[in-house]
Amino acid sequence: MSSETDISKYFTGTHEVQKCHEGQCELDLHTHLANCEKNPGHAGFVPINKLSVEQFPVGYHDNNLYELTKALADLTVRIAVKFTSFDRPEFVPGTEYPYPFYDSRGQNSLRTGTGKVFHMKKYTEGMDEKYGAYRTCPCPECDHSDTPSKVWWEIIVVTARHVVYDSSEARQSSCRLWFDEDNCPKFNIVGYKVNGTSFNEDWSDLVCVTHDLDLGDKLYGMWMRWDDLWFPVSDKYKSRRDVDKLTIIVSHPHGCSKQVSIGHWVHKQEVGRYGTRYTYTTCTCPGSSGAGVYRLGWLSCHPHSGTSSGGLNYSGTDQG
C-alpha cells in the first residue's frame, strides 16, 4: 500500500457535476452525453434495465448481489440544482483546486448530480416527534397553500457537498426518482434544506419532502428491500472484500438515465478518526458526482466526488 503522502494526489482533481450552459434546460443533457470527452461511447456503463447476473465478474454471478444492485438503483436519484449559493468557497480545502461553481455564485443555472436515499420518515397529523411541535409539509407548494398537507414523507438523500452546498441550494433542488430510461414517467421529490454536511470530506445530507403518500410508501418499501439485502450480501463477501475489491456505482451520467458501472477500488485513505475514502476504476462521468460508491463486503457507501489526473476516480468520505 502506498503511503498517505503518495496517495493524497489521487483525491484531488475534477469534480463531476454536469453543468448546463446558460439558457439550457434538461433537454440539452443528451447533447452533453453525446459529446462526452471523458468516456466517448460510455463503455463500462450498463443501463439499469439491461443489467443481468452475467455482467458481474466471474465468481460474482450471484442473484442476491444482482438484486442488491437493483435495490441500490431503486434508491438512486438524479439531482437537479437550479441555484448556486453565495457562500461557495473559491478553493477546495487545503488545495489550490478551484471549488465548483464559485464563479456562478448567486446565479440561476441548471446542473445535475446523483444521490442515494439514505433514510425516510413519515410525518402524520403534522406532529414533530422530536420537538412536539405541530407542523405541516414544508414543500414549496404547501408553504404557499391555505390548506397545507398535514401528512408527508421526509426523505434524506446523501450526495456530495459540491453538488448541493447548503440550504439555499437545497430549496431550489429536486430529485428525480426511478429515472431508468428516457421516456419513463417523471416522479420528483423536492429539497428544502441541508442537514449534515462536511466541507472537507465532501458529503451532504439533502432533506427532501413529498406529500404524495403513495410515492413515499413505494419508496419506503424499496428502502426496506435494500436494508434487507445489504447486510447478508455484505456478510457473505466480507472475507473477499480486500481480494477482488469489487466496487459498484449506480449514477446518472450527464443527467441522463440510470447506469450501472462495476470495477474495483485501488487506494484506501483514512480521514479523521473514523472516516475513509477510496479511489477506484469504476466508470463515472459528469453527472455522477454524489452517487453511492458501494464496495462489496463493506457496510458503508461513500459519495462519488471526482476524477484525478491519474485516471482514477475518487470518493468523499462515509459519515463515520
Protein backbone atom coordinates (compact mmCIF):
# COMPACT_ATOMS: atom_id res chain seq x y z
CA MET A 1 0.00 0.00 0.00
CA SER A 2 1.32 3.45 -0.87
CA SER A 3 1.99 5.97 1.88
CA GLU A 4 -0.56 8.66 2.76
CA THR A 5 1.71 11.25 1.11
CA ASP A 6 1.99 9.23 -2.08
CA ILE A 7 -1.75 8.61 -2.49
CA SER A 8 -3.06 12.03 -1.47
CA LYS A 9 -2.65 13.23 -5.05
CA TYR A 10 -5.35 10.78 -6.14
CA PHE A 11 -8.01 12.54 -4.06
CA THR A 12 -7.93 15.88 -5.86
CA GLY A 13 -8.96 16.66 -9.39
CA THR A 14 -12.08 17.43 -11.36
CA HIS A 15 -15.48 17.15 -9.71
CA GLU A 16 -18.18 15.52 -11.82
CA VAL A 17 -21.29 17.65 -11.73
CA GLN A 18 -22.92 18.09 -15.14
CA LYS A 19 -23.22 21.81 -15.83
CA CYS A 20 -25.70 23.14 -18.36
CA HIS A 21 -24.73 26.29 -20.16
CA GLU A 22 -26.74 29.43 -19.52
CA GLY A 23 -30.21 29.20 -21.00
CA GLN A 24 -30.03 25.43 -21.45
CA CYS A 25 -32.51 23.04 -19.88
CA GLU A 26 -32.81 19.30 -19.30
CA LEU A 27 -33.48 18.72 -22.99
CA ASP A 28 -29.86 19.67 -23.66
CA LEU A 29 -28.39 16.99 -21.38
CA HIS A 30 -28.35 14.46 -24.21
CA THR A 31 -26.04 16.82 -26.11
CA HIS A 32 -23.55 16.62 -23.25
CA LEU A 33 -23.95 12.82 -23.27
CA ALA A 34 -23.19 12.62 -26.99
CA ASN A 35 -20.22 15.00 -26.74
CA CYS A 36 -18.63 13.38 -23.67
CA GLU A 37 -14.84 13.72 -23.71
CA LYS A 38 -14.05 11.58 -20.67
CA ASN A 39 -15.66 8.37 -21.93
CA PRO A 40 -16.81 8.63 -25.57
CA GLY A 41 -19.34 5.89 -26.26
CA HIS A 42 -19.64 5.26 -22.50
CA ALA A 43 -18.06 1.83 -22.46
CA GLY A 44 -18.24 0.39 -18.97
CA PHE A 45 -21.76 1.66 -18.28
CA VAL A 46 -24.76 -0.68 -18.36
CA PRO A 47 -28.31 0.74 -18.50
CA ILE A 48 -30.08 -0.44 -15.37
CA ASN A 49 -32.83 -2.12 -17.38
CA LYS A 50 -30.25 -4.21 -19.26
CA LEU A 51 -28.28 -5.37 -16.23
CA SER A 52 -28.01 -9.15 -15.82
CA VAL A 53 -26.27 -11.54 -13.44
CA GLU A 54 -23.81 -12.48 -16.20
CA GLN A 55 -22.48 -8.91 -16.39
CA PHE A 56 -20.87 -9.23 -12.98
CA PRO A 57 -17.28 -10.57 -12.89
CA VAL A 58 -16.61 -14.29 -12.85
CA GLY A 59 -17.10 -15.54 -9.30
CA TYR A 60 -19.86 -12.99 -8.65
CA HIS A 61 -22.69 -14.41 -10.74
CA ASP A 62 -24.87 -14.22 -7.67
CA ASN A 63 -28.59 -13.48 -7.85
CA ASN A 64 -28.58 -11.83 -4.42
CA LEU A 65 -25.78 -9.47 -5.49
CA TYR A 66 -27.78 -8.70 -8.64
CA GLU A 67 -30.89 -7.98 -6.54
CA LEU A 68 -28.86 -5.78 -4.18
CA THR A 69 -27.57 -3.76 -7.13
CA LYS A 70 -31.12 -3.36 -8.42
CA ALA A 71 -32.17 -2.24 -4.93
CA LEU A 72 -29.33 0.30 -4.90
CA ALA A 73 -30.59 1.54 -8.27
CA ASP A 74 -34.14 1.93 -6.92
CA LEU A 75 -32.76 4.32 -4.28
CA THR A 76 -30.51 6.25 -6.68
CA VAL A 77 -31.83 9.67 -7.73
CA ARG A 78 -30.91 12.28 -10.31
CA ILE A 79 -30.44 15.62 -8.55
CA ALA A 80 -31.18 18.87 -10.39
CA VAL A 81 -29.96 22.10 -8.79
CA LYS A 82 -31.04 25.48 -10.15
CA PHE A 83 -29.20 27.95 -7.90
CA THR A 84 -25.64 28.50 -6.71
CA SER A 85 -25.04 29.64 -3.13
CA PHE A 86 -23.34 32.95 -2.40
CA ASP A 87 -21.29 31.07 0.22
CA ARG A 88 -19.42 28.66 -2.05
CA PRO A 89 -15.66 28.93 -1.41
CA GLU A 90 -13.07 29.70 -4.02
CA PHE A 91 -10.87 26.63 -3.47
CA VAL A 92 -11.17 23.01 -2.34
CA PRO A 93 -9.99 22.89 1.31
CA GLY A 94 -6.21 22.75 1.65
CA THR A 95 -5.59 22.92 -2.08
CA GLU A 96 -5.34 25.35 -4.96
CA TYR A 97 -8.02 23.47 -6.92
CA PRO A 98 -11.00 25.71 -7.75
CA TYR A 99 -14.18 24.78 -5.88
CA PRO A 100 -17.02 24.07 -8.33
CA PHE A 101 -19.28 26.98 -9.33
CA TYR A 102 -17.55 29.66 -7.26
CA ASP A 103 -17.81 31.96 -10.29
CA SER A 104 -21.55 31.24 -10.54
CA ARG A 105 -22.49 32.37 -7.03
CA GLY A 106 -25.96 33.86 -6.86
CA GLN A 107 -26.87 32.70 -10.36
CA ASN A 108 -29.77 30.57 -11.52
CA SER A 109 -28.49 27.85 -13.84
CA LEU A 110 -29.10 24.12 -14.07
CA ARG A 111 -26.59 21.48 -13.03
CA THR A 112 -27.12 17.81 -12.23
CA GLY A 113 -25.59 15.21 -9.96
CA THR A 114 -26.58 11.95 -8.31
CA GLY A 115 -27.63 10.91 -4.81
CA LYS A 116 -28.88 7.92 -2.83
CA VAL A 117 -31.86 7.70 -0.48
CA PHE A 118 -30.35 7.16 2.96
CA HIS A 119 -33.27 7.45 5.38
CA MET A 120 -37.02 8.13 5.40
CA LYS A 121 -39.57 9.26 7.95
CA LYS A 122 -43.33 9.63 7.65
CA TYR A 123 -44.97 12.54 9.47
CA THR A 124 -48.60 12.01 10.41
CA GLU A 125 -51.03 14.63 11.67
CA GLY A 126 -48.24 17.18 11.46
CA MET A 127 -46.59 16.17 14.74
CA ASP A 128 -42.82 16.53 15.04
CA GLU A 129 -41.89 13.76 17.46
CA LYS A 130 -38.57 15.34 18.41
CA TYR A 131 -39.89 18.76 19.38
CA GLY A 132 -43.56 18.01 19.98
CA ALA A 133 -44.48 20.83 17.62
CA TYR A 134 -47.40 20.84 15.20
CA ARG A 135 -46.13 21.10 11.65
CA THR A 136 -47.32 20.98 8.08
CA CYS A 137 -45.50 19.79 4.98
CA PRO A 138 -42.62 22.23 4.27
CA CYS A 139 -42.59 21.77 0.47
CA PRO A 140 -42.92 24.98 -1.65
CA GLU A 141 -46.44 24.02 -2.74
CA CYS A 142 -47.68 23.65 0.85
CA ASP A 143 -45.70 26.66 2.01
CA HIS A 144 -47.88 28.86 -0.23
CA SER A 145 -51.14 26.99 0.34
CA ASP A 146 -54.04 27.85 2.64
CA THR A 147 -54.54 24.12 3.18
CA PRO A 148 -51.04 22.62 3.51
CA SER A 149 -50.77 18.87 3.88
CA LYS A 150 -50.52 17.60 7.46
CA VAL A 151 -49.12 14.22 6.40
CA TRP A 152 -45.94 13.85 4.38
CA TRP A 153 -42.72 11.90 3.90
CA GLU A 154 -39.31 13.34 4.73
CA ILE A 155 -36.55 11.72 2.67
CA ILE A 156 -32.82 12.17 3.28
CA VAL A 157 -30.66 11.87 0.18
CA VAL A 158 -26.90 11.54 0.63
CA THR A 159 -24.86 13.24 -2.06
CA ALA A 160 -21.58 15.15 -2.40
CA ARG A 161 -21.47 18.58 -0.81
CA HIS A 162 -20.19 20.15 -4.02
CA VAL A 163 -23.48 19.03 -5.65
CA VAL A 164 -25.74 20.68 -3.05
CA TYR A 165 -23.67 23.04 -0.92
CA ASP A 166 -26.20 24.44 1.55
CA SER A 167 -29.90 25.06 2.23
CA SER A 168 -30.13 27.96 -0.21
CA GLU A 169 -29.29 25.48 -2.96
CA ALA A 170 -31.44 22.73 -1.44
CA ARG A 171 -34.55 24.91 -1.70
CA GLN A 172 -34.04 25.10 -5.45
CA SER A 173 -33.24 21.42 -5.92
CA SER A 174 -35.28 18.38 -6.85
CA CYS A 175 -34.59 14.65 -7.06
CA ARG A 176 -36.00 12.55 -9.87
CA LEU A 177 -36.85 9.01 -8.79
CA TRP A 178 -36.76 5.87 -10.95
CA PHE A 179 -35.29 7.61 -14.00
CA ASP A 180 -34.42 4.25 -15.55
CA GLU A 181 -34.94 5.06 -19.24
CA ASP A 182 -35.50 8.12 -21.39
CA ASN A 183 -39.27 8.04 -21.69
CA CYS A 184 -40.23 6.77 -18.24
CA PRO A 185 -42.77 8.69 -16.10
CA LYS A 186 -41.40 11.57 -14.01
CA PHE A 187 -41.56 11.33 -10.21
CA ASN A 188 -39.88 14.11 -8.24
CA ILE A 189 -39.31 14.95 -4.61
CA VAL A 190 -38.28 18.49 -3.68
CA GLY A 191 -35.41 19.64 -1.50
CA TYR A 192 -35.92 22.10 1.29
CA LYS A 193 -32.79 22.09 3.46
CA VAL A 194 -29.37 20.58 4.07
CA ASN A 195 -28.82 18.95 7.46
CA GLY A 196 -25.47 17.24 7.93
CA THR A 197 -22.61 18.39 5.72
CA SER A 198 -18.86 18.08 5.54
CA PHE A 199 -16.85 20.57 3.50
CA ASN A 200 -13.51 18.77 3.81
CA GLU A 201 -14.94 15.28 3.40
CA ASP A 202 -17.39 16.17 0.60
CA TRP A 203 -20.70 14.71 1.69
CA SER A 204 -24.07 16.32 2.27
CA ASP A 205 -27.50 15.26 3.55
CA LEU A 206 -30.13 16.78 1.27
CA VAL A 207 -33.51 16.72 3.04
CA CYS A 208 -36.42 16.31 0.63
CA VAL A 209 -40.19 16.05 1.11
CA THR A 210 -43.28 14.77 -0.67
CA HIS A 211 -46.92 14.69 0.33
CA ASP A 212 -47.60 12.11 -2.37
CA LEU A 213 -48.13 9.34 0.18
CA ASP A 214 -48.32 6.54 -2.38
CA LEU A 215 -44.95 7.58 -3.79
CA GLY A 216 -43.47 7.72 -0.29
CA ASP A 217 -44.88 4.31 0.64
CA LYS A 218 -43.46 2.78 -2.55
CA LEU A 219 -40.04 4.31 -1.96
CA TYR A 220 -40.05 3.17 1.67
CA GLY A 221 -40.71 -0.40 0.54
CA MET A 222 -37.67 -0.14 -1.75
CA TRP A 223 -35.56 1.26 1.07
CA MET A 224 -36.55 -1.69 3.29
CA ARG A 225 -35.68 -4.08 0.45
CA TRP A 226 -32.17 -2.56 0.24
CA ASP A 227 -31.80 -2.83 4.01
CA ASP A 228 -32.85 -6.50 3.97
CA LEU A 229 -30.29 -7.38 1.28
CA TRP A 230 -27.37 -5.16 2.28
CA PHE A 231 -26.34 -6.97 5.47
CA PRO A 232 -26.47 -10.60 4.29
CA VAL A 233 -24.77 -9.88 0.95
CA SER A 234 -22.07 -7.79 2.62
CA ASP A 235 -21.52 -10.53 5.21
CA LYS A 236 -21.27 -13.20 2.50
CA TYR A 237 -18.41 -11.39 0.76
CA LYS A 238 -16.70 -9.94 3.82
CA SER A 239 -13.81 -12.42 3.64
CA ARG A 240 -13.16 -11.48 -0.02
CA ARG A 241 -13.61 -7.72 0.23
CA ASP A 242 -9.87 -6.96 0.15
CA VAL A 243 -9.11 -9.53 -2.56
CA ASP A 244 -11.13 -8.57 -5.64
CA LYS A 245 -12.16 -5.19 -4.14
CA LEU A 246 -15.35 -5.16 -6.21
CA THR A 247 -16.88 -1.68 -6.40
CA ILE A 248 -20.30 -0.85 -7.85
CA ILE A 249 -21.72 2.58 -8.70
CA VAL A 250 -25.20 3.48 -9.95
CA SER A 251 -25.35 7.03 -11.30
CA HIS A 252 -26.90 9.42 -13.80
CA PRO A 253 -24.09 10.31 -16.24
CA HIS A 254 -24.72 13.71 -17.84
CA GLY A 255 -28.05 13.94 -16.03
CA CYS A 256 -29.49 11.22 -18.22
CA SER A 257 -30.99 7.83 -17.40
CA LYS A 258 -29.58 5.49 -14.77
CA GLN A 259 -26.43 3.45 -15.47
CA VAL A 260 -24.52 0.78 -13.56
CA SER A 261 -20.73 0.50 -13.59
CA ILE A 262 -18.58 -2.19 -11.99
CA GLY A 263 -14.87 -2.01 -11.17
CA HIS A 264 -12.59 -2.32 -8.17
CA TRP A 265 -11.13 0.02 -5.58
CA VAL A 266 -7.41 0.76 -5.59
CA HIS A 267 -6.44 3.03 -2.69
CA LYS A 268 -7.92 3.47 0.79
CA GLN A 269 -7.20 6.56 2.85
CA GLU A 270 -8.09 7.15 6.50
CA VAL A 271 -9.76 10.51 7.14
CA GLY A 272 -10.03 11.75 10.71
CA ARG A 273 -10.79 9.25 13.46
CA TYR A 274 -13.31 7.03 11.69
CA GLY A 275 -13.74 8.16 8.09
CA THR A 276 -12.32 6.61 4.93
CA ARG A 277 -12.26 7.45 1.26
CA TYR A 278 -11.30 5.44 -1.80
CA THR A 279 -10.05 5.54 -5.35
CA TYR A 280 -11.46 3.11 -7.91
CA THR A 281 -11.56 2.10 -11.54
CA THR A 282 -15.38 2.02 -11.65
CA CYS A 283 -16.61 4.23 -14.51
CA THR A 284 -18.07 7.67 -13.84
CA CYS A 285 -18.82 10.78 -15.90
CA PRO A 286 -20.00 14.35 -15.34
CA GLY A 287 -23.34 13.94 -13.57
CA SER A 288 -22.04 11.06 -11.41
CA SER A 289 -20.96 13.29 -8.51
CA GLY A 290 -22.73 12.22 -5.32
CA ALA A 291 -23.54 8.68 -6.47
CA GLY A 292 -23.20 5.94 -3.87
CA VAL A 293 -19.91 4.02 -4.14
CA TYR A 294 -20.67 0.51 -2.89
CA ARG A 295 -17.68 -1.69 -2.05
CA LEU A 296 -18.77 -5.29 -1.79
CA GLY A 297 -18.26 -6.76 1.67
CA TRP A 298 -18.34 -3.42 3.50
CA LEU A 299 -21.20 -1.78 5.39
CA SER A 300 -20.64 1.75 4.12
CA CYS A 301 -21.48 3.65 0.96
CA HIS A 302 -19.36 6.69 0.07
CA PRO A 303 -20.44 9.53 -2.25
CA HIS A 304 -18.55 9.81 -5.52
CA SER A 305 -16.50 13.01 -5.59
CA GLY A 306 -14.42 13.31 -8.75
CA THR A 307 -11.70 12.09 -11.08
CA SER A 308 -7.95 12.67 -10.74
CA SER A 309 -5.42 13.48 -13.42
CA GLY A 310 -4.01 9.98 -12.97
CA GLY A 311 -7.20 8.44 -14.34
CA LEU A 312 -8.66 7.03 -11.13
CA ASN A 313 -11.98 8.16 -9.71
CA TYR A 314 -12.27 9.03 -6.01
CA SER A 315 -14.91 9.31 -3.30
CA GLY A 316 -15.74 11.61 -0.46
CA THR A 317 -15.81 10.01 2.95
CA ASP A 318 -18.52 7.98 4.58
CA GLN A 319 -20.17 9.55 7.60
CA GLY A 320 -18.19 7.67 10.22
